[in-house]
Amino acid sequence: MGDQADWMSQLCPQLWDVPLHHLSIPGSHDTMTYCLNHPGRDAAAGCGCAVPGPADRACARGLYTEPVLCAHDDTFTEIAEWLQSHPREVVILACRNFQGMTCELHDYLVGCIVNIFGDMLCPSGEVPTLRQLWAREQQVIVSYEDEATVSRYDQLWPAIPYWWGNAVKTDVLLRFLETMKGQGRPDGLFVAGINITENLCYILLHPVDSLEEMTRRSLPLMTEWVCAQQPGQSPHCTNIIAGDFVDADGFVSKVISLNRKLLSP
């Protein structure tokens, strides 16, 4: 696939006319949730699993990221500048409605995003193709979970469904994902989350363990599952696949490579 920073433009031209929700798109879970650039707000309010700093921001380039509600303004600006130098890459940003956040703070944060990404794609009822986005010179899709906030900003997409297994064990997570596939994929963009989750019992029994160590131990099974997936429009196809510590084990390249299956006879 060549340079992953430009993987969308390096897809086979045949795939430029495939809607985004039928492509295989790598994503990062809880990217850019390590801080919140707003007075009076706890900097750890949105603390997530992704690694903060430059590596964290790099996960957002040409990928789906979820959520982005607690990112610094300069992080968004950095992504916007990066998109200017990569005009054929698309970023899908999914924002959550964190509990206890006021309407004023929602408006402040969304206003920052809207101001920085002036080329955001407005919802039209259909998921666009890459060729359509390039023709419009639009590179950013922002979804938001809070319906009231979505209603105040025409640029926002509604929430993107996220299949979250809430499981400590990898095999339990993968069984959940297979069960969800058996029920049929959502109509538009959606995410299969391969992120495992610590619970209180696990933390008490493994006080020196970390989520990163858990994730890296689970990667062989997760990678095997990822490589078996199929993008496309059939009921059992996957779309965005998101995980934690996505720089590990060739995760991004494996998800991108699934698009070759769309070219098979």
Protein backbone atom coordinates (compact mmCIF):
# COMPACT_ATOMS: atom_id res chain seq x y z
CA MET A 1 0.00 0.00 0.00
CA GLY A 2 3.03 2.27 0.12
CA ASP A 3 3.20 5.17 2.56
CA GLN A 4 0.39 4.81 5.09
CA ALA A 5 0.18 8.60 5.44
CA ASP A 6 -1.30 8.68 1.93
CA TRP A 7 -2.99 5.31 1.83
CA MET A 8 -6.35 6.59 0.58
CA SER A 9 -4.90 8.23 -2.51
CA GLN A 10 -2.80 5.11 -3.13
CA LEU A 11 -5.81 2.80 -3.26
CA CYS A 12 -6.59 1.22 -6.61
CA PRO A 13 -8.59 3.81 -8.63
CA GLN A 14 -11.40 1.28 -8.81
CA LEU A 15 -11.94 1.86 -5.07
CA TRP A 16 -12.20 5.64 -5.39
CA ASP A 17 -15.87 5.20 -6.29
CA VAL A 18 -16.68 2.90 -3.36
CA PRO A 19 -18.57 4.66 -0.53
CA LEU A 20 -16.51 5.12 2.63
CA HIS A 21 -18.78 2.79 4.62
CA HIS A 22 -17.87 -0.07 2.27
CA LEU A 23 -14.11 0.45 2.59
CA SER A 24 -11.86 -0.95 5.30
CA ILE A 25 -10.64 1.99 7.38
CA PRO A 26 -8.22 1.74 10.32
CA GLY A 27 -9.16 3.65 13.43
CA SER A 28 -7.83 4.50 16.87
CA HIS A 29 -9.91 4.22 20.03
CA ASP A 30 -9.90 7.13 22.49
CA THR A 31 -7.44 9.17 20.47
CA MET A 32 -6.71 12.70 21.70
CA THR A 33 -8.64 12.31 24.94
CA TYR A 34 -5.78 13.11 27.28
CA CYS A 35 -6.53 16.79 27.84
CA LEU A 36 -9.13 19.49 27.45
CA ASN A 37 -8.20 23.04 26.49
CA HIS A 38 -10.89 24.85 28.43
CA PRO A 39 -10.74 26.80 31.73
CA GLY A 40 -12.00 25.04 34.82
CA ARG A 41 -12.09 21.55 33.32
CA ASP A 42 -10.12 18.64 34.72
CA ALA A 43 -7.32 17.87 32.28
CA ALA A 44 -7.85 14.15 32.84
CA ALA A 45 -11.59 14.26 32.21
CA GLY A 46 -11.33 12.43 28.93
CA CYS A 47 -8.32 10.28 29.69
CA GLY A 48 -8.32 7.38 27.26
CA CYS A 49 -6.21 4.50 26.08
CA ALA A 50 -4.27 6.09 23.26
CA VAL A 51 -0.76 7.36 23.80
CA PRO A 52 -0.72 11.19 24.18
CA GLY A 53 1.56 13.57 22.36
CA PRO A 54 2.88 13.39 18.78
CA ALA A 55 2.24 9.64 18.46
CA ASP A 56 -1.36 10.19 19.51
CA ARG A 57 -1.86 12.94 16.96
CA ALA A 58 -0.33 10.80 14.24
CA CYS A 59 -3.09 8.24 14.79
CA ALA A 60 -5.60 10.79 13.54
CA ARG A 61 -4.04 11.24 10.13
CA GLY A 62 -6.12 9.63 7.42
CA LEU A 63 -7.93 7.53 10.00
CA TYR A 64 -11.10 7.34 12.02
CA THR A 65 -10.51 8.63 15.57
CA GLU A 66 -12.82 8.28 18.55
CA PRO A 67 -13.46 10.37 20.52
CA VAL A 68 -11.83 13.75 20.00
CA LEU A 69 -13.87 15.87 22.38
CA CYS A 70 -11.01 16.51 24.81
CA ALA A 71 -8.26 17.49 22.41
CA HIS A 72 -6.35 20.76 22.54
CA ASP A 73 -7.15 23.31 19.85
CA ASP A 74 -3.56 23.14 18.62
CA THR A 75 -3.98 19.40 18.02
CA PHE A 76 -6.88 20.07 15.66
CA THR A 77 -4.86 22.82 14.00
CA GLU A 78 -1.97 20.43 13.49
CA ILE A 79 -4.29 17.90 11.83
CA ALA A 80 -5.77 20.63 9.64
CA GLU A 81 -2.30 21.69 8.53
CA TRP A 82 -1.40 18.08 7.81
CA LEU A 83 -4.54 17.68 5.68
CA GLN A 84 -3.57 20.71 3.64
CA SER A 85 -0.36 18.95 2.63
CA HIS A 86 -2.24 15.66 1.98
CA PRO A 87 -5.29 16.82 0.01
CA ARG A 88 -6.51 13.33 -0.82
CA GLU A 89 -6.66 11.97 2.72
CA VAL A 90 -9.83 11.98 4.81
CA VAL A 91 -10.24 12.10 8.59
CA ILE A 92 -13.36 10.88 10.39
CA LEU A 93 -13.67 12.39 13.87
CA ALA A 94 -16.20 10.94 16.31
CA CYS A 95 -17.00 13.02 19.41
CA ARG A 96 -18.69 11.81 22.53
CA ASN A 97 -21.02 13.53 24.93
CA PHE A 98 -19.11 13.18 28.18
CA GLN A 99 -21.34 12.98 31.24
CA GLY A 100 -21.74 16.25 33.10
CA MET A 101 -20.55 18.48 30.28
CA THR A 102 -22.67 21.61 29.92
CA CYS A 103 -24.33 22.82 26.72
CA GLU A 104 -22.04 25.84 26.78
CA LEU A 105 -18.95 23.63 26.86
CA HIS A 106 -20.34 21.47 24.06
CA ASP A 107 -20.88 24.56 21.94
CA TYR A 108 -17.41 25.86 22.74
CA LEU A 109 -15.73 22.63 21.72
CA VAL A 110 -17.78 22.04 18.60
CA GLY A 111 -17.32 25.68 17.63
CA CYS A 112 -13.55 25.18 17.80
CA ILE A 113 -13.77 22.16 15.52
CA VAL A 114 -16.06 23.93 13.04
CA ASN A 115 -13.80 26.98 12.94
CA ILE A 116 -10.65 24.94 12.34
CA PHE A 117 -12.08 22.49 9.82
CA GLY A 118 -13.88 24.77 7.41
CA ASP A 119 -14.05 22.03 4.78
CA MET A 120 -16.13 19.61 6.86
CA LEU A 121 -18.58 17.45 4.96
CA CYS A 122 -22.21 18.15 5.83
CA PRO A 123 -24.56 15.16 6.16
CA SER A 124 -26.54 14.51 2.99
CA GLY A 125 -28.13 11.15 3.70
CA GLU A 126 -25.52 9.27 1.66
CA VAL A 127 -21.98 8.30 2.57
CA PRO A 128 -19.62 9.81 -0.03
CA THR A 129 -16.88 8.16 -2.05
CA LEU A 130 -13.28 9.33 -2.08
CA ARG A 131 -13.69 10.73 -5.57
CA GLN A 132 -16.71 12.77 -4.46
CA LEU A 133 -14.82 14.15 -1.47
CA TRP A 134 -11.83 15.09 -3.60
CA ALA A 135 -14.08 16.87 -6.10
CA ARG A 136 -15.59 18.91 -3.25
CA GLU A 137 -12.20 19.47 -1.60
CA GLN A 138 -13.65 18.13 1.65
CA GLN A 139 -11.57 15.98 3.95
CA VAL A 140 -13.25 15.88 7.37
CA ILE A 141 -16.34 14.10 8.69
CA VAL A 142 -17.25 14.94 12.30
CA SER A 143 -19.89 12.87 14.07
CA TYR A 144 -21.30 13.70 17.50
CA GLU A 145 -23.25 11.59 19.96
CA ASP A 146 -25.28 14.38 21.54
CA GLU A 147 -28.42 14.85 19.44
CA ALA A 148 -29.08 18.35 20.77
CA THR A 149 -25.61 19.47 19.72
CA VAL A 150 -26.01 17.88 16.28
CA SER A 151 -29.24 19.81 15.79
CA ARG A 152 -27.42 23.12 16.42
CA TYR A 153 -24.64 22.53 13.87
CA ASP A 154 -25.46 21.61 10.30
CA GLN A 155 -21.90 20.36 9.74
CA LEU A 156 -22.14 17.56 12.32
CA TRP A 157 -22.98 13.98 11.50
CA PRO A 158 -24.98 11.92 14.00
CA ALA A 159 -23.25 9.31 16.13
CA ILE A 160 -21.37 6.56 14.33
CA PRO A 161 -22.28 3.13 15.80
CA TYR A 162 -19.40 1.54 17.72
CA TRP A 163 -19.38 -2.17 18.47
CA TRP A 164 -17.80 -2.21 21.95
CA GLY A 165 -17.48 -5.59 23.61
CA ASN A 166 -16.58 -4.28 27.10
CA ALA A 167 -14.57 -7.47 27.61
CA VAL A 168 -11.36 -8.28 29.47
CA LYS A 169 -10.67 -11.48 27.56
CA THR A 170 -9.82 -11.43 23.87
CA ASP A 171 -11.88 -14.49 22.99
CA VAL A 172 -14.95 -12.98 24.66
CA LEU A 173 -14.46 -9.75 22.69
CA LEU A 174 -14.11 -11.58 19.40
CA ARG A 175 -17.22 -13.68 20.08
CA PHE A 176 -19.11 -10.44 20.71
CA LEU A 177 -17.93 -9.01 17.39
CA GLU A 178 -18.95 -12.17 15.55
CA THR A 179 -22.37 -12.01 17.22
CA MET A 180 -22.78 -8.41 16.07
CA LYS A 181 -21.77 -9.38 12.54
CA GLY A 182 -24.39 -12.10 12.61
CA GLN A 183 -27.05 -9.49 13.30
CA GLY A 184 -26.08 -7.48 10.23
CA ARG A 185 -24.04 -4.33 9.74
CA PRO A 186 -25.53 -0.83 10.19
CA ASP A 187 -26.49 1.10 7.07
CA GLY A 188 -23.76 3.75 7.13
CA LEU A 189 -20.35 4.22 8.70
CA PHE A 190 -19.76 1.99 11.71
CA VAL A 191 -16.92 0.75 13.86
CA ALA A 192 -15.87 -2.68 15.08
CA GLY A 193 -13.83 -2.02 18.20
CA ILE A 194 -11.10 -4.57 18.93
CA ASN A 195 -10.17 -2.79 22.17
CA ILE A 196 -10.23 -4.86 25.33
CA THR A 197 -11.37 -3.24 28.57
CA GLU A 198 -10.11 -3.47 32.14
CA ASN A 199 -12.69 -3.89 34.89
CA LEU A 200 -12.39 -3.50 38.66
CA CYS A 201 -11.95 -7.23 39.26
CA TYR A 202 -9.09 -7.45 36.78
CA ILE A 203 -7.37 -4.38 38.22
CA LEU A 204 -7.58 -5.75 41.76
CA LEU A 205 -6.16 -9.12 40.68
CA HIS A 206 -3.45 -7.61 38.47
CA PRO A 207 -2.33 -4.41 40.23
CA VAL A 208 0.93 -4.08 38.28
CA ASP A 209 -0.52 -4.90 34.87
CA SER A 210 -1.41 -2.20 32.35
CA LEU A 211 -3.92 -1.84 29.54
CA GLU A 212 -1.06 -1.60 27.06
CA GLU A 213 0.38 -4.93 28.26
CA MET A 214 -3.08 -6.51 28.07
CA THR A 215 -3.57 -5.18 24.57
CA ARG A 216 -0.19 -6.30 23.26
CA ARG A 217 -0.72 -9.83 24.64
CA SER A 218 -4.05 -9.99 22.83
CA LEU A 219 -2.69 -8.78 19.49
CA PRO A 220 -2.03 -12.19 17.88
CA LEU A 221 -5.68 -13.26 18.23
CA MET A 222 -6.98 -9.81 17.31
CA THR A 223 -4.73 -9.66 14.26
CA GLU A 224 -5.95 -13.06 13.12
CA TRP A 225 -9.54 -11.81 13.39
CA VAL A 226 -8.76 -8.59 11.52
CA CYS A 227 -7.11 -10.42 8.63
CA ALA A 228 -10.20 -12.61 8.23
CA GLN A 229 -12.57 -9.67 7.76
CA GLN A 230 -14.17 -8.54 4.52
CA PRO A 231 -15.14 -4.96 3.64
CA GLY A 232 -18.08 -4.28 1.37
CA GLN A 233 -21.85 -3.92 1.48
CA SER A 234 -23.03 -7.38 2.50
CA PRO A 235 -24.64 -7.78 5.96
CA HIS A 236 -21.56 -9.41 7.51
CA CYS A 237 -18.92 -7.00 6.22
CA THR A 238 -16.84 -4.72 8.41
CA ASN A 239 -16.04 -1.05 7.84
CA ILE A 240 -13.91 0.89 10.35
CA ILE A 241 -11.84 -1.30 12.65
CA ALA A 242 -10.52 0.59 15.68
CA GLY A 243 -8.18 -0.46 18.45
CA ASP A 244 -5.81 0.81 21.12
CA PHE A 245 -2.08 1.30 20.55
CA VAL A 246 -2.62 1.06 16.82
CA ASP A 247 1.07 1.50 16.07
CA ALA A 248 1.67 -2.11 17.13
CA ASP A 249 1.87 -5.32 15.10
CA GLY A 250 1.18 -3.72 11.74
CA PHE A 251 -2.46 -3.08 12.68
CA VAL A 252 -2.95 -0.14 10.32
CA SER A 253 -1.45 -1.85 7.28
CA LYS A 254 -3.47 -5.03 7.90
CA VAL A 255 -6.76 -3.11 8.04
CA ILE A 256 -5.88 -1.14 4.89
CA SER A 257 -4.89 -4.34 3.08
CA LEU A 258 -8.41 -5.72 3.51
CA ASN A 259 -9.49 -3.38 0.71
CA ARG A 260 -7.72 -5.65 -1.77
CA LYS A 261 -10.52 -8.15 -1.17
CA LEU A 262 -12.89 -5.72 -2.89
CA LEU A 263 -10.85 -6.20 -6.06
CA SER A 264 -11.00 -9.98 -6.04
CA PRO A 265 -13.09 -11.60 -8.79
